[in-house]
Amino acid sequence: MNTSELRTYLYKRSAALFDPPFTHDDIASIVDLFTDAITAGIVGDEENGITAEDGKVMLRSFGTFKRVIRKGRTYNVRGKKVTVPDRVTVVFQTGAELERAIADKFGVDTDP
């Protein structure tokens, strides 16, 4: 699902749940605000008072977005030394309810 599909899905759901439903513009603004909030939680937004020291956004039962540092490494490619520097990235760990939904839908046990 991409952003456009997400907006369409939310618009259809709002039409079924709310009278009057949200407009397409309302939904687009909500999705944009939500993604901005997640980004602020990961990288910070000093202008709005979010420092994001731990770089973590926890959405209970859905999952956690966490900023991590991937260690650089050095390896040989065709006799030449190649160095990959450290980099900052984001990982996502699923929450319990999302894990159960995946297991129920696909019939796979998610416990190790």
N, C-alpha and C. Protein backbone atom coordinates (compact mmCIF):
# COMPACT_ATOMS: atom_id res chain seq x y z
N MET A 1 0.85 -1.17 0.00
CA MET A 1 0.00 0.00 0.00
C MET A 1 0.90 1.23 0.00
N ASN A 2 0.65 2.12 -0.92
CA ASN A 2 1.41 3.38 -0.95
C ASN A 2 0.56 4.49 -0.32
N THR A 3 1.09 5.70 -0.28
CA THR A 3 0.41 6.81 0.38
C THR A 3 -0.95 7.09 -0.24
N SER A 4 -1.03 7.08 -1.54
CA SER A 4 -2.30 7.33 -2.22
C SER A 4 -3.34 6.28 -1.87
N GLU A 5 -2.92 5.02 -1.84
CA GLU A 5 -3.84 3.93 -1.48
C GLU A 5 -4.26 4.04 -0.02
N LEU A 6 -3.34 4.44 0.85
CA LEU A 6 -3.66 4.64 2.26
C LEU A 6 -4.70 5.74 2.41
N ARG A 7 -4.51 6.83 1.71
CA ARG A 7 -5.47 7.94 1.78
C ARG A 7 -6.85 7.50 1.30
N THR A 8 -6.90 6.74 0.20
CA THR A 8 -8.17 6.25 -0.32
C THR A 8 -8.84 5.31 0.67
N TYR A 9 -8.06 4.42 1.28
CA TYR A 9 -8.58 3.49 2.28
C TYR A 9 -9.18 4.25 3.46
N LEU A 10 -8.44 5.23 3.97
CA LEU A 10 -8.92 6.01 5.11
C LEU A 10 -10.16 6.83 4.74
N TYR A 11 -10.22 7.33 3.53
CA TYR A 11 -11.39 8.09 3.09
C TYR A 11 -12.62 7.18 3.08
N LYS A 12 -12.48 5.99 2.53
CA LYS A 12 -13.61 5.05 2.49
C LYS A 12 -14.04 4.64 3.89
N ARG A 13 -13.07 4.40 4.78
CA ARG A 13 -13.40 4.02 6.16
C ARG A 13 -14.09 5.17 6.88
N SER A 14 -13.64 6.40 6.64
CA SER A 14 -14.26 7.55 7.31
C SER A 14 -15.70 7.73 6.83
N ALA A 15 -15.95 7.42 5.55
CA ALA A 15 -17.31 7.55 5.01
C ALA A 15 -18.25 6.57 5.70
N ALA A 16 -17.72 5.39 6.07
CA ALA A 16 -18.54 4.38 6.74
C ALA A 16 -18.72 4.69 8.23
N LEU A 17 -17.79 5.42 8.83
CA LEU A 17 -17.81 5.64 10.28
C LEU A 17 -18.34 7.00 10.71
N PHE A 18 -18.16 8.02 9.88
CA PHE A 18 -18.49 9.38 10.29
C PHE A 18 -19.53 10.00 9.36
N ASP A 19 -20.40 10.82 9.97
CA ASP A 19 -21.39 11.55 9.18
C ASP A 19 -21.29 13.01 9.58
N PRO A 20 -20.79 13.91 8.78
CA PRO A 20 -20.27 13.68 7.43
C PRO A 20 -18.85 13.09 7.48
N PRO A 21 -18.48 12.41 6.40
CA PRO A 21 -17.13 11.82 6.36
C PRO A 21 -16.07 12.92 6.17
N PHE A 22 -14.83 12.56 6.47
CA PHE A 22 -13.73 13.48 6.19
C PHE A 22 -13.62 13.68 4.68
N THR A 23 -13.11 14.82 4.29
CA THR A 23 -12.88 15.06 2.87
C THR A 23 -11.54 14.44 2.48
N HIS A 24 -11.31 14.34 1.17
CA HIS A 24 -10.01 13.84 0.69
C HIS A 24 -8.87 14.73 1.21
N ASP A 25 -9.09 16.04 1.23
CA ASP A 25 -8.07 16.96 1.73
C ASP A 25 -7.81 16.75 3.22
N ASP A 26 -8.89 16.51 3.99
CA ASP A 26 -8.73 16.22 5.42
C ASP A 26 -7.87 14.99 5.63
N ILE A 27 -8.17 13.93 4.88
CA ILE A 27 -7.42 12.67 5.01
C ILE A 27 -5.96 12.89 4.63
N ALA A 28 -5.71 13.61 3.54
CA ALA A 28 -4.33 13.87 3.13
C ALA A 28 -3.58 14.62 4.23
N SER A 29 -4.23 15.59 4.87
CA SER A 29 -3.60 16.34 5.96
C SER A 29 -3.32 15.46 7.16
N ILE A 30 -4.25 14.57 7.50
CA ILE A 30 -4.07 13.67 8.63
C ILE A 30 -2.90 12.72 8.39
N VAL A 31 -2.82 12.14 7.19
CA VAL A 31 -1.72 11.23 6.87
C VAL A 31 -0.39 11.99 6.93
N ASP A 32 -0.36 13.19 6.37
CA ASP A 32 0.86 13.99 6.41
C ASP A 32 1.27 14.34 7.84
N LEU A 33 0.31 14.71 8.68
CA LEU A 33 0.60 15.02 10.08
C LEU A 33 1.12 13.79 10.82
N PHE A 34 0.53 12.64 10.54
CA PHE A 34 0.95 11.40 11.20
C PHE A 34 2.38 11.04 10.82
N THR A 35 2.71 11.10 9.54
CA THR A 35 4.07 10.77 9.12
C THR A 35 5.06 11.81 9.63
N ASP A 36 4.65 13.08 9.70
CA ASP A 36 5.51 14.11 10.28
C ASP A 36 5.77 13.84 11.76
N ALA A 37 4.76 13.38 12.48
CA ALA A 37 4.91 13.08 13.90
C ALA A 37 5.86 11.91 14.12
N ILE A 38 5.77 10.89 13.30
CA ILE A 38 6.69 9.75 13.42
C ILE A 38 8.11 10.22 13.13
N THR A 39 8.28 11.00 12.08
CA THR A 39 9.60 11.53 11.74
C THR A 39 10.15 12.37 12.89
N ALA A 40 9.33 13.22 13.48
CA ALA A 40 9.77 14.05 14.60
C ALA A 40 10.19 13.19 15.78
N GLY A 41 9.48 12.12 16.02
CA GLY A 41 9.83 11.23 17.12
C GLY A 41 11.16 10.53 16.90
N ILE A 42 11.52 10.30 15.66
CA ILE A 42 12.76 9.60 15.33
C ILE A 42 13.95 10.56 15.26
N VAL A 43 13.77 11.71 14.60
CA VAL A 43 14.90 12.63 14.39
C VAL A 43 14.82 13.89 15.23
N GLY A 44 13.67 14.15 15.82
CA GLY A 44 13.50 15.35 16.64
C GLY A 44 12.91 16.50 15.86
N ASP A 45 12.33 17.41 16.58
CA ASP A 45 11.75 18.63 16.01
C ASP A 45 11.83 19.70 17.09
N GLU A 46 13.01 20.32 17.22
CA GLU A 46 13.25 21.28 18.28
C GLU A 46 12.27 22.45 18.22
N GLU A 47 11.84 22.81 17.03
CA GLU A 47 10.91 23.92 16.87
C GLU A 47 9.61 23.66 17.63
N ASN A 48 9.21 22.38 17.71
CA ASN A 48 7.98 22.01 18.40
C ASN A 48 8.24 21.29 19.72
N GLY A 49 9.48 21.37 20.22
CA GLY A 49 9.80 20.85 21.54
C GLY A 49 10.00 19.35 21.63
N ILE A 50 10.30 18.69 20.51
CA ILE A 50 10.55 17.25 20.52
C ILE A 50 12.04 17.01 20.29
N THR A 51 12.71 16.45 21.31
CA THR A 51 14.16 16.26 21.20
C THR A 51 14.52 14.90 20.61
N ALA A 52 13.69 13.89 20.79
CA ALA A 52 13.91 12.55 20.24
C ALA A 52 15.26 11.97 20.63
N GLU A 53 15.61 12.11 21.91
CA GLU A 53 16.90 11.62 22.37
C GLU A 53 17.06 10.12 22.14
N ASP A 54 15.99 9.34 22.36
CA ASP A 54 16.11 7.89 22.15
C ASP A 54 15.74 7.49 20.73
N GLY A 55 15.19 8.40 19.93
CA GLY A 55 14.87 8.10 18.54
C GLY A 55 13.87 6.98 18.37
N LYS A 56 12.88 6.94 19.26
CA LYS A 56 11.94 5.82 19.26
C LYS A 56 10.50 6.32 19.23
N VAL A 57 9.67 5.68 18.42
CA VAL A 57 8.24 5.96 18.40
C VAL A 57 7.52 4.64 18.63
N MET A 58 6.83 4.53 19.76
CA MET A 58 6.13 3.30 20.11
C MET A 58 4.63 3.50 19.91
N LEU A 59 4.05 2.66 19.06
CA LEU A 59 2.60 2.65 18.86
C LEU A 59 2.11 1.33 19.44
N ARG A 60 1.60 1.37 20.66
CA ARG A 60 1.22 0.16 21.38
C ARG A 60 0.44 -0.80 20.50
N SER A 61 0.79 -2.04 20.58
CA SER A 61 0.19 -3.18 19.88
C SER A 61 0.41 -3.15 18.36
N PHE A 62 0.83 -2.03 17.81
CA PHE A 62 1.17 -1.99 16.37
C PHE A 62 2.64 -2.25 16.18
N GLY A 63 3.48 -1.45 16.83
CA GLY A 63 4.92 -1.67 16.71
C GLY A 63 5.73 -0.45 17.11
N THR A 64 7.04 -0.58 16.97
CA THR A 64 7.97 0.46 17.38
C THR A 64 8.93 0.78 16.25
N PHE A 65 9.04 2.07 15.94
CA PHE A 65 10.05 2.57 15.02
C PHE A 65 11.22 3.02 15.88
N LYS A 66 12.43 2.60 15.54
CA LYS A 66 13.59 2.97 16.35
C LYS A 66 14.77 3.33 15.48
N ARG A 67 15.41 4.45 15.83
CA ARG A 67 16.62 4.90 15.15
C ARG A 67 17.79 4.07 15.66
N VAL A 68 18.58 3.51 14.74
CA VAL A 68 19.75 2.71 15.11
C VAL A 68 20.94 3.13 14.25
N ILE A 69 22.13 2.83 14.76
CA ILE A 69 23.35 3.07 13.99
C ILE A 69 23.85 1.72 13.48
N ARG A 70 23.96 1.59 12.19
CA ARG A 70 24.54 0.39 11.59
C ARG A 70 26.04 0.60 11.52
N LYS A 71 26.80 -0.31 12.10
CA LYS A 71 28.25 -0.21 12.12
C LYS A 71 28.81 -0.35 10.72
N GLY A 72 29.80 0.43 10.43
CA GLY A 72 30.50 0.34 9.15
C GLY A 72 31.33 -0.94 9.11
N ARG A 73 31.78 -1.27 7.94
CA ARG A 73 32.59 -2.47 7.78
C ARG A 73 33.55 -2.29 6.62
N THR A 74 34.54 -3.14 6.58
CA THR A 74 35.51 -3.14 5.51
C THR A 74 35.59 -4.55 4.94
N TYR A 75 35.60 -4.65 3.62
CA TYR A 75 35.73 -5.95 2.98
C TYR A 75 36.46 -5.79 1.65
N ASN A 76 36.84 -6.90 1.08
CA ASN A 76 37.59 -6.89 -0.18
C ASN A 76 36.67 -7.21 -1.35
N VAL A 77 36.80 -6.42 -2.39
CA VAL A 77 36.08 -6.66 -3.64
C VAL A 77 37.12 -6.70 -4.75
N ARG A 78 37.30 -7.87 -5.33
CA ARG A 78 38.27 -8.06 -6.42
C ARG A 78 39.65 -7.53 -6.04
N GLY A 79 40.05 -7.81 -4.83
CA GLY A 79 41.38 -7.41 -4.38
C GLY A 79 41.50 -5.99 -3.88
N LYS A 80 40.42 -5.20 -3.95
CA LYS A 80 40.45 -3.82 -3.45
C LYS A 80 39.70 -3.75 -2.13
N LYS A 81 40.22 -2.96 -1.23
CA LYS A 81 39.59 -2.76 0.06
C LYS A 81 38.46 -1.74 -0.08
N VAL A 82 37.25 -2.14 0.33
CA VAL A 82 36.09 -1.25 0.28
C VAL A 82 35.62 -1.00 1.71
N THR A 83 35.44 0.26 2.05
CA THR A 83 35.00 0.63 3.38
C THR A 83 33.61 1.23 3.30
N VAL A 84 32.69 0.66 4.09
CA VAL A 84 31.34 1.19 4.20
C VAL A 84 31.25 1.88 5.56
N PRO A 85 30.95 3.18 5.58
CA PRO A 85 30.93 3.91 6.86
C PRO A 85 29.70 3.56 7.71
N ASP A 86 29.76 3.94 9.01
CA ASP A 86 28.59 3.82 9.86
C ASP A 86 27.46 4.62 9.22
N ARG A 87 26.22 4.18 9.48
CA ARG A 87 25.09 4.96 8.99
C ARG A 87 23.93 4.85 9.96
N VAL A 88 23.10 5.84 9.96
CA VAL A 88 21.91 5.86 10.80
C VAL A 88 20.73 5.42 9.96
N THR A 89 19.92 4.52 10.51
CA THR A 89 18.75 4.04 9.80
C THR A 89 17.63 3.80 10.82
N VAL A 90 16.48 3.37 10.35
CA VAL A 90 15.34 3.10 11.22
C VAL A 90 14.94 1.65 11.05
N VAL A 91 14.66 1.00 12.18
CA VAL A 91 14.14 -0.36 12.15
C VAL A 91 12.74 -0.34 12.73
N PHE A 92 11.95 -1.32 12.36
CA PHE A 92 10.57 -1.44 12.86
C PHE A 92 10.40 -2.80 13.48
N GLN A 93 9.90 -2.84 14.70
CA GLN A 93 9.62 -4.10 15.37
C GLN A 93 8.11 -4.16 15.59
N THR A 94 7.50 -5.23 15.10
CA THR A 94 6.05 -5.35 15.20
C THR A 94 5.60 -5.54 16.63
N GLY A 95 4.40 -5.04 16.92
CA GLY A 95 3.78 -5.21 18.22
C GLY A 95 2.98 -6.49 18.27
N ALA A 96 2.48 -6.83 19.44
CA ALA A 96 1.79 -8.11 19.66
C ALA A 96 0.54 -8.27 18.80
N GLU A 97 -0.30 -7.25 18.73
CA GLU A 97 -1.53 -7.38 17.94
C GLU A 97 -1.25 -7.51 16.46
N LEU A 98 -0.28 -6.78 15.95
CA LEU A 98 0.08 -6.91 14.55
C LEU A 98 0.65 -8.30 14.28
N GLU A 99 1.47 -8.80 15.20
CA GLU A 99 2.01 -10.16 15.06
C GLU A 99 0.87 -11.18 14.97
N ARG A 100 -0.13 -11.03 15.86
CA ARG A 100 -1.27 -11.97 15.84
C ARG A 100 -2.07 -11.86 14.55
N ALA A 101 -2.27 -10.64 14.07
CA ALA A 101 -3.02 -10.45 12.83
C ALA A 101 -2.31 -11.11 11.66
N ILE A 102 -1.00 -10.98 11.62
CA ILE A 102 -0.21 -11.60 10.55
C ILE A 102 -0.31 -13.11 10.64
N ALA A 103 -0.17 -13.63 11.86
CA ALA A 103 -0.24 -15.08 12.07
C ALA A 103 -1.62 -15.62 11.68
N ASP A 104 -2.68 -14.90 12.07
CA ASP A 104 -4.05 -15.34 11.74
C ASP A 104 -4.30 -15.31 10.25
N LYS A 105 -3.84 -14.27 9.59
CA LYS A 105 -4.08 -14.11 8.15
C LYS A 105 -3.32 -15.13 7.32
N PHE A 106 -2.07 -15.39 7.69
CA PHE A 106 -1.23 -16.24 6.86
C PHE A 106 -0.97 -17.62 7.45
N GLY A 107 -1.56 -17.88 8.62
CA GLY A 107 -1.44 -19.21 9.21
C GLY A 107 -0.03 -19.60 9.58
N VAL A 108 0.76 -18.62 9.97
CA VAL A 108 2.16 -18.87 10.34
C VAL A 108 2.34 -18.53 11.80
N ASP A 109 2.99 -19.41 12.54
CA ASP A 109 3.29 -19.14 13.94
C ASP A 109 4.46 -18.17 13.99
N THR A 110 4.25 -17.00 14.65
CA THR A 110 5.29 -15.98 14.67
C THR A 110 6.22 -16.12 15.85
N ASP A 111 5.93 -17.05 16.78
CA ASP A 111 6.84 -17.28 17.91
C ASP A 111 8.04 -18.08 17.45
N PRO A 112 9.25 -17.75 17.97
CA PRO A 112 10.46 -18.49 17.54
C PRO A 112 10.47 -19.91 18.05
